[in-house]
Amino acid sequence: LSNFDEGVRYAAVEALSNQDGDDVREALCKALGNPDEESNRYRVRIAEVFLNKNWTLSNSENIESNPPVGFTVVDSRIVRA
């Protein structure tokens, strides 16, 4: 999830999207909240995983202030805007 190549990061999200568990949710939440992440495609895919799994965001502060395009945060959950 922290590789310099956006395609590799995206592939990692795809692989993790088929897994459950707090460690996966935490890793994806951290990646989504990364203020240095520039790829909206990557951020949108992570948001879709959270939406599809109905996961809550453990730390939504950075995500609330800068959600992926087309999404917003409501009650610590990512939703389509």
C-alpha atoms as a PDB file:
ATOM      1  CA  LEU A   1       0.000   0.000   0.000  1.00  0.00           C
ATOM      2  CA  SER A   2       2.949   2.338   0.351  1.00  0.00           C
ATOM      3  CA  ASN A   3       4.773   1.464  -2.891  1.00  0.00           C
ATOM      4  CA  PHE A   4       5.820   4.436  -5.027  1.00  0.00           C
ATOM      5  CA  ASP A   5       3.985   2.984  -8.056  1.00  0.00           C
ATOM      6  CA  GLU A   6       0.265   3.790  -8.127  1.00  0.00           C
ATOM      7  CA  GLY A   7      -0.504   0.606 -10.078  1.00  0.00           C
ATOM      8  CA  VAL A   8       1.124  -1.536  -7.418  1.00  0.00           C
ATOM      9  CA  ARG A   9      -0.777   0.280  -4.654  1.00  0.00           C
ATOM     10  CA  TYR A  10      -4.038  -0.228  -6.575  1.00  0.00           C
ATOM     11  CA  ALA A  11      -3.308  -3.950  -7.038  1.00  0.00           C
ATOM     12  CA  ALA A  12      -2.645  -4.243  -3.302  1.00  0.00           C
ATOM     13  CA  VAL A  13      -6.056  -2.734  -2.564  1.00  0.00           C
ATOM     14  CA  GLU A  14      -7.651  -5.230  -4.960  1.00  0.00           C
ATOM     15  CA  ALA A  15      -5.952  -8.125  -3.161  1.00  0.00           C
ATOM     16  CA  LEU A  16      -6.935  -6.805   0.266  1.00  0.00           C
ATOM     17  CA  SER A  17     -10.525  -6.142  -0.815  1.00  0.00           C
ATOM     18  CA  ASN A  18     -11.122  -9.902  -0.713  1.00  0.00           C
ATOM     19  CA  GLN A  19     -10.000 -10.169   2.893  1.00  0.00           C
ATOM     20  CA  ASP A  20     -11.623  -9.255   6.182  1.00  0.00           C
ATOM     21  CA  GLY A  21     -10.205  -8.342   9.532  1.00  0.00           C
ATOM     22  CA  ASP A  22      -9.262  -5.358  11.618  1.00  0.00           C
ATOM     23  CA  ASP A  23      -5.687  -5.365  10.360  1.00  0.00           C
ATOM     24  CA  VAL A  24      -6.870  -5.032   6.744  1.00  0.00           C
ATOM     25  CA  ARG A  25      -9.403  -2.328   7.671  1.00  0.00           C
ATOM     26  CA  GLU A  26      -6.763  -0.391   9.622  1.00  0.00           C
ATOM     27  CA  ALA A  27      -4.204  -0.587   6.814  1.00  0.00           C
ATOM     28  CA  LEU A  28      -6.716   0.625   4.241  1.00  0.00           C
ATOM     29  CA  CYS A  29      -7.936   3.389   6.551  1.00  0.00           C
ATOM     30  CA  LYS A  30      -4.373   4.585   7.039  1.00  0.00           C
ATOM     31  CA  ALA A  31      -3.795   4.541   3.276  1.00  0.00           C
ATOM     32  CA  LEU A  32      -7.037   6.440   2.616  1.00  0.00           C
ATOM     33  CA  GLY A  33      -6.124   9.084   5.187  1.00  0.00           C
ATOM     34  CA  ASN A  34      -2.599   9.596   3.850  1.00  0.00           C
ATOM     35  CA  PRO A  35      -2.378  13.363   3.153  1.00  0.00           C
ATOM     36  CA  ASP A  36       0.425  12.787   0.633  1.00  0.00           C
ATOM     37  CA  GLU A  37      -1.572  10.409  -1.575  1.00  0.00           C
ATOM     38  CA  GLU A  38      -2.272  12.011  -4.950  1.00  0.00           C
ATOM     39  CA  SER A  39      -4.051   9.195  -6.816  1.00  0.00           C
ATOM     40  CA  ASN A  40      -7.799   9.703  -6.675  1.00  0.00           C
ATOM     41  CA  ARG A  41      -8.355   6.376  -8.491  1.00  0.00           C
ATOM     42  CA  TYR A  42      -6.547   4.599  -5.654  1.00  0.00           C
ATOM     43  CA  ARG A  43      -8.414   6.527  -2.958  1.00  0.00           C
ATOM     44  CA  VAL A  44     -11.782   5.896  -4.647  1.00  0.00           C
ATOM     45  CA  ARG A  45     -11.088   2.148  -4.770  1.00  0.00           C
ATOM     46  CA  ILE A  46     -10.311   2.110  -1.048  1.00  0.00           C
ATOM     47  CA  ALA A  47     -13.504   4.087  -0.375  1.00  0.00           C
ATOM     48  CA  GLU A  48     -15.473   1.538  -2.413  1.00  0.00           C
ATOM     49  CA  VAL A  49     -14.052  -1.277  -0.279  1.00  0.00           C
ATOM     50  CA  PHE A  50     -15.151   0.519   2.900  1.00  0.00           C
ATOM     51  CA  LEU A  51     -18.571   1.181   1.409  1.00  0.00           C
ATOM     52  CA  ASN A  52     -19.075  -2.408   0.197  1.00  0.00           C
ATOM     53  CA  LYS A  53     -17.950  -3.935   3.496  1.00  0.00           C
ATOM     54  CA  ASN A  54     -19.860  -1.348   5.564  1.00  0.00           C
ATOM     55  CA  TRP A  55     -16.696  -0.699   7.575  1.00  0.00           C
ATOM     56  CA  THR A  56     -16.291   2.262   9.886  1.00  0.00           C
ATOM     57  CA  LEU A  57     -13.268   4.526   9.633  1.00  0.00           C
ATOM     58  CA  SER A  58     -11.042   4.296  12.682  1.00  0.00           C
ATOM     59  CA  ASN A  59      -9.543   7.745  12.143  1.00  0.00           C
ATOM     60  CA  SER A  60     -11.700   9.799   9.825  1.00  0.00           C
ATOM     61  CA  GLU A  61     -10.270  13.259  10.523  1.00  0.00           C
ATOM     62  CA  ASN A  62      -7.964  13.409   7.477  1.00  0.00           C
ATOM     63  CA  ILE A  63     -10.534  11.655   5.323  1.00  0.00           C
ATOM     64  CA  GLU A  64     -13.370  13.999   6.333  1.00  0.00           C
ATOM     65  CA  SER A  65     -11.348  17.040   5.335  1.00  0.00           C
ATOM     66  CA  ASN A  66     -10.167  15.492   2.065  1.00  0.00           C
ATOM     67  CA  PRO A  67     -12.450  12.650   0.927  1.00  0.00           C
ATOM     68  CA  PRO A  68     -12.000  10.978  -2.451  1.00  0.00           C
ATOM     69  CA  VAL A  69     -13.963  12.600  -5.264  1.00  0.00           C
ATOM     70  CA  GLY A  70     -17.602  11.502  -5.077  1.00  0.00           C
ATOM     71  CA  PHE A  71     -17.497  10.459  -1.424  1.00  0.00           C
ATOM     72  CA  THR A  72     -18.036  12.007   1.979  1.00  0.00           C
ATOM     73  CA  VAL A  73     -17.822  10.847   5.591  1.00  0.00           C
ATOM     74  CA  VAL A  74     -20.948  10.537   7.752  1.00  0.00           C
ATOM     75  CA  ASP A  75     -20.766   9.128  11.287  1.00  0.00           C
ATOM     76  CA  SER A  76     -17.326   7.592  10.680  1.00  0.00           C
ATOM     77  CA  ARG A  77     -18.525   5.822   7.527  1.00  0.00           C
ATOM     78  CA  ILE A  78     -17.640   6.597   3.947  1.00  0.00           C
ATOM     79  CA  VAL A  79     -20.686   7.248   1.740  1.00  0.00           C
ATOM     80  CA  ARG A  80     -21.234   8.380  -1.814  1.00  0.00           C
ATOM     81  CA  ALA A  81     -21.761  12.115  -2.023  1.00  0.00           C
END
